[in-house]
Amino acid sequence: MGVVIDLSKSVYELCKEHPDIIDIMKDLGFENITNPAMLNTAGRFMTIPKGAAMKQIPMEKIKEAFAAKDYELKE
């Protein structure tokens, strides 16, 4: 089993703990995550599920992308 990602944490916290998830999220369509200003503002209160809902990206697709990189998403 890989690294567990806690979906209740903010995107900012997760990216600080696991910087390599920035590329996974960018590939999924969260292109603003590469902008440090966005990460430091919206990223502090945004969670992956909230962002997925806003961008209309299915959580199943996100789970599959993270699983492919040996991450497990914890609700």
N, C-alpha and C. Protein backbone atom coordinates (compact mmCIF):
# COMPACT_ATOMS: atom_id res chain seq x y z
N MET A 1 0.84 -1.19 0.00
CA MET A 1 0.00 0.00 0.00
C MET A 1 0.88 1.24 0.00
N GLY A 2 0.41 2.26 -0.69
CA GLY A 2 1.19 3.49 -0.82
C GLY A 2 0.89 4.50 0.26
N VAL A 3 1.18 5.73 -0.04
CA VAL A 3 1.00 6.85 0.88
C VAL A 3 -0.49 7.18 0.95
N VAL A 4 -0.97 7.43 2.17
CA VAL A 4 -2.38 7.77 2.36
C VAL A 4 -2.55 9.29 2.33
N ILE A 5 -3.48 9.75 1.52
CA ILE A 5 -3.80 11.17 1.39
C ILE A 5 -5.14 11.41 2.10
N ASP A 6 -5.14 12.29 3.08
CA ASP A 6 -6.35 12.61 3.85
C ASP A 6 -7.14 13.69 3.11
N LEU A 7 -8.30 13.33 2.58
CA LEU A 7 -9.10 14.26 1.77
C LEU A 7 -9.72 15.39 2.58
N SER A 8 -9.66 15.31 3.91
CA SER A 8 -10.21 16.40 4.72
C SER A 8 -9.20 17.55 4.87
N LYS A 9 -7.94 17.29 4.50
CA LYS A 9 -6.91 18.34 4.57
C LYS A 9 -7.02 19.26 3.36
N SER A 10 -6.55 20.49 3.54
CA SER A 10 -6.58 21.44 2.42
C SER A 10 -5.55 21.05 1.36
N VAL A 11 -5.79 21.53 0.15
CA VAL A 11 -4.85 21.28 -0.95
C VAL A 11 -3.47 21.83 -0.58
N TYR A 12 -3.46 22.99 0.08
CA TYR A 12 -2.20 23.61 0.52
C TYR A 12 -1.43 22.65 1.43
N GLU A 13 -2.10 22.10 2.45
CA GLU A 13 -1.43 21.19 3.38
C GLU A 13 -0.91 19.95 2.66
N LEU A 14 -1.73 19.39 1.79
CA LEU A 14 -1.33 18.18 1.07
C LEU A 14 -0.13 18.42 0.17
N CYS A 15 -0.12 19.56 -0.50
CA CYS A 15 1.00 19.87 -1.41
C CYS A 15 2.29 20.14 -0.63
N LYS A 16 2.17 20.68 0.58
CA LYS A 16 3.36 20.89 1.41
C LYS A 16 3.91 19.54 1.89
N GLU A 17 3.00 18.62 2.25
CA GLU A 17 3.42 17.29 2.73
C GLU A 17 3.92 16.40 1.59
N HIS A 18 3.29 16.51 0.43
CA HIS A 18 3.59 15.63 -0.71
C HIS A 18 3.69 16.48 -1.98
N PRO A 19 4.80 17.17 -2.20
CA PRO A 19 4.92 18.08 -3.36
C PRO A 19 4.70 17.39 -4.71
N ASP A 20 4.93 16.10 -4.79
CA ASP A 20 4.76 15.40 -6.06
C ASP A 20 3.30 15.27 -6.49
N ILE A 21 2.34 15.51 -5.58
CA ILE A 21 0.93 15.43 -6.00
C ILE A 21 0.52 16.63 -6.84
N ILE A 22 1.32 17.68 -6.84
CA ILE A 22 1.01 18.85 -7.67
C ILE A 22 0.91 18.43 -9.14
N ASP A 23 1.84 17.61 -9.61
CA ASP A 23 1.82 17.16 -11.00
C ASP A 23 0.60 16.29 -11.29
N ILE A 24 0.23 15.42 -10.34
CA ILE A 24 -0.94 14.56 -10.52
C ILE A 24 -2.18 15.43 -10.68
N MET A 25 -2.31 16.42 -9.80
CA MET A 25 -3.50 17.27 -9.83
C MET A 25 -3.53 18.14 -11.08
N LYS A 26 -2.37 18.64 -11.49
CA LYS A 26 -2.31 19.46 -12.72
C LYS A 26 -2.78 18.63 -13.91
N ASP A 27 -2.32 17.38 -13.98
CA ASP A 27 -2.72 16.50 -15.09
C ASP A 27 -4.22 16.19 -15.08
N LEU A 28 -4.83 16.26 -13.89
CA LEU A 28 -6.27 16.00 -13.77
C LEU A 28 -7.12 17.20 -14.19
N GLY A 29 -6.49 18.37 -14.32
CA GLY A 29 -7.25 19.54 -14.72
C GLY A 29 -7.23 20.68 -13.71
N PHE A 30 -6.50 20.49 -12.62
CA PHE A 30 -6.35 21.56 -11.62
C PHE A 30 -5.13 22.39 -11.99
N GLU A 31 -5.20 23.08 -13.14
CA GLU A 31 -4.01 23.79 -13.65
C GLU A 31 -3.56 24.93 -12.75
N ASN A 32 -4.45 25.50 -11.97
CA ASN A 32 -4.08 26.63 -11.09
C ASN A 32 -3.18 26.21 -9.93
N ILE A 33 -3.07 24.91 -9.69
CA ILE A 33 -2.27 24.43 -8.56
C ILE A 33 -0.78 24.75 -8.74
N THR A 34 -0.36 24.98 -9.97
CA THR A 34 1.05 25.29 -10.22
C THR A 34 1.36 26.76 -9.93
N ASN A 35 0.32 27.57 -9.71
CA ASN A 35 0.49 28.98 -9.40
C ASN A 35 0.64 29.14 -7.88
N PRO A 36 1.83 29.52 -7.40
CA PRO A 36 2.05 29.62 -5.95
C PRO A 36 1.06 30.55 -5.25
N ALA A 37 0.64 31.62 -5.92
CA ALA A 37 -0.31 32.55 -5.30
C ALA A 37 -1.66 31.86 -5.08
N MET A 38 -2.11 31.10 -6.05
CA MET A 38 -3.38 30.38 -5.91
C MET A 38 -3.28 29.32 -4.82
N LEU A 39 -2.17 28.63 -4.77
CA LEU A 39 -1.97 27.58 -3.76
C LEU A 39 -1.98 28.20 -2.37
N ASN A 40 -1.38 29.38 -2.23
CA ASN A 40 -1.30 30.04 -0.92
C ASN A 40 -2.59 30.73 -0.51
N THR A 41 -3.51 30.95 -1.43
CA THR A 41 -4.77 31.61 -1.07
C THR A 41 -5.90 30.59 -1.09
N ALA A 42 -6.40 30.27 -2.27
CA ALA A 42 -7.52 29.32 -2.38
C ALA A 42 -7.14 27.94 -1.85
N GLY A 43 -5.90 27.56 -2.04
CA GLY A 43 -5.44 26.24 -1.60
C GLY A 43 -5.51 26.04 -0.10
N ARG A 44 -5.56 27.12 0.66
CA ARG A 44 -5.61 27.00 2.13
C ARG A 44 -6.97 26.57 2.65
N PHE A 45 -8.02 26.80 1.86
CA PHE A 45 -9.34 26.35 2.31
C PHE A 45 -9.99 25.32 1.38
N MET A 46 -9.40 25.14 0.21
CA MET A 46 -9.94 24.20 -0.77
C MET A 46 -9.44 22.78 -0.47
N THR A 47 -10.36 21.82 -0.53
CA THR A 47 -9.98 20.41 -0.41
C THR A 47 -10.09 19.79 -1.80
N ILE A 48 -9.53 18.61 -1.97
CA ILE A 48 -9.61 17.94 -3.27
C ILE A 48 -11.08 17.69 -3.66
N PRO A 49 -11.93 17.17 -2.75
CA PRO A 49 -13.33 16.97 -3.15
C PRO A 49 -14.05 18.27 -3.53
N LYS A 50 -13.79 19.37 -2.83
CA LYS A 50 -14.42 20.66 -3.17
C LYS A 50 -13.96 21.11 -4.55
N GLY A 51 -12.66 20.99 -4.80
CA GLY A 51 -12.11 21.39 -6.10
C GLY A 51 -12.65 20.52 -7.22
N ALA A 52 -12.81 19.23 -6.95
CA ALA A 52 -13.35 18.32 -7.95
C ALA A 52 -14.78 18.70 -8.31
N ALA A 53 -15.56 19.07 -7.30
CA ALA A 53 -16.94 19.48 -7.54
C ALA A 53 -16.98 20.77 -8.36
N MET A 54 -16.11 21.73 -8.01
CA MET A 54 -16.06 23.00 -8.75
C MET A 54 -15.67 22.79 -10.21
N LYS A 55 -14.70 21.92 -10.43
CA LYS A 55 -14.18 21.68 -11.78
C LYS A 55 -14.95 20.58 -12.51
N GLN A 56 -15.91 19.97 -11.81
CA GLN A 56 -16.70 18.87 -12.36
C GLN A 56 -15.81 17.71 -12.82
N ILE A 57 -14.88 17.35 -11.96
CA ILE A 57 -13.99 16.21 -12.21
C ILE A 57 -14.46 15.08 -11.29
N PRO A 58 -14.84 13.93 -11.85
CA PRO A 58 -15.33 12.83 -11.02
C PRO A 58 -14.28 12.36 -10.01
N MET A 59 -14.71 12.16 -8.76
CA MET A 59 -13.78 11.68 -7.73
C MET A 59 -13.18 10.33 -8.11
N GLU A 60 -13.93 9.51 -8.83
CA GLU A 60 -13.41 8.21 -9.25
C GLU A 60 -12.18 8.38 -10.15
N LYS A 61 -12.22 9.36 -11.03
CA LYS A 61 -11.08 9.65 -11.91
C LYS A 61 -9.87 10.11 -11.07
N ILE A 62 -10.13 10.93 -10.06
CA ILE A 62 -9.06 11.41 -9.18
C ILE A 62 -8.45 10.25 -8.40
N LYS A 63 -9.31 9.38 -7.87
CA LYS A 63 -8.82 8.21 -7.11
C LYS A 63 -7.95 7.32 -7.99
N GLU A 64 -8.37 7.12 -9.24
CA GLU A 64 -7.60 6.27 -10.16
C GLU A 64 -6.24 6.89 -10.47
N ALA A 65 -6.20 8.21 -10.67
CA ALA A 65 -4.94 8.89 -10.98
C ALA A 65 -3.97 8.80 -9.80
N PHE A 66 -4.49 8.98 -8.59
CA PHE A 66 -3.64 8.88 -7.40
C PHE A 66 -3.19 7.45 -7.17
N ALA A 67 -4.08 6.48 -7.39
CA ALA A 67 -3.74 5.07 -7.21
C ALA A 67 -2.63 4.65 -8.18
N ALA A 68 -2.66 5.20 -9.39
CA ALA A 68 -1.64 4.88 -10.39
C ALA A 68 -0.26 5.35 -9.93
N LYS A 69 -0.22 6.36 -9.06
CA LYS A 69 1.05 6.87 -8.53
C LYS A 69 1.31 6.36 -7.11
N ASP A 70 0.58 5.30 -6.72
CA ASP A 70 0.76 4.63 -5.42
C ASP A 70 0.32 5.47 -4.23
N TYR A 71 -0.78 6.20 -4.41
CA TYR A 71 -1.39 6.96 -3.32
C TYR A 71 -2.77 6.39 -3.05
N GLU A 72 -3.16 6.42 -1.79
CA GLU A 72 -4.51 6.00 -1.41
C GLU A 72 -5.22 7.21 -0.83
N LEU A 73 -6.43 7.48 -1.32
CA LEU A 73 -7.20 8.61 -0.83
C LEU A 73 -8.12 8.14 0.29
N LYS A 74 -8.04 8.84 1.43
CA LYS A 74 -8.86 8.50 2.59
C LYS A 74 -9.92 9.58 2.78
N GLU A 75 -11.19 9.16 2.77
CA GLU A 75 -12.31 10.10 2.94
C GLU A 75 -12.30 10.69 4.35
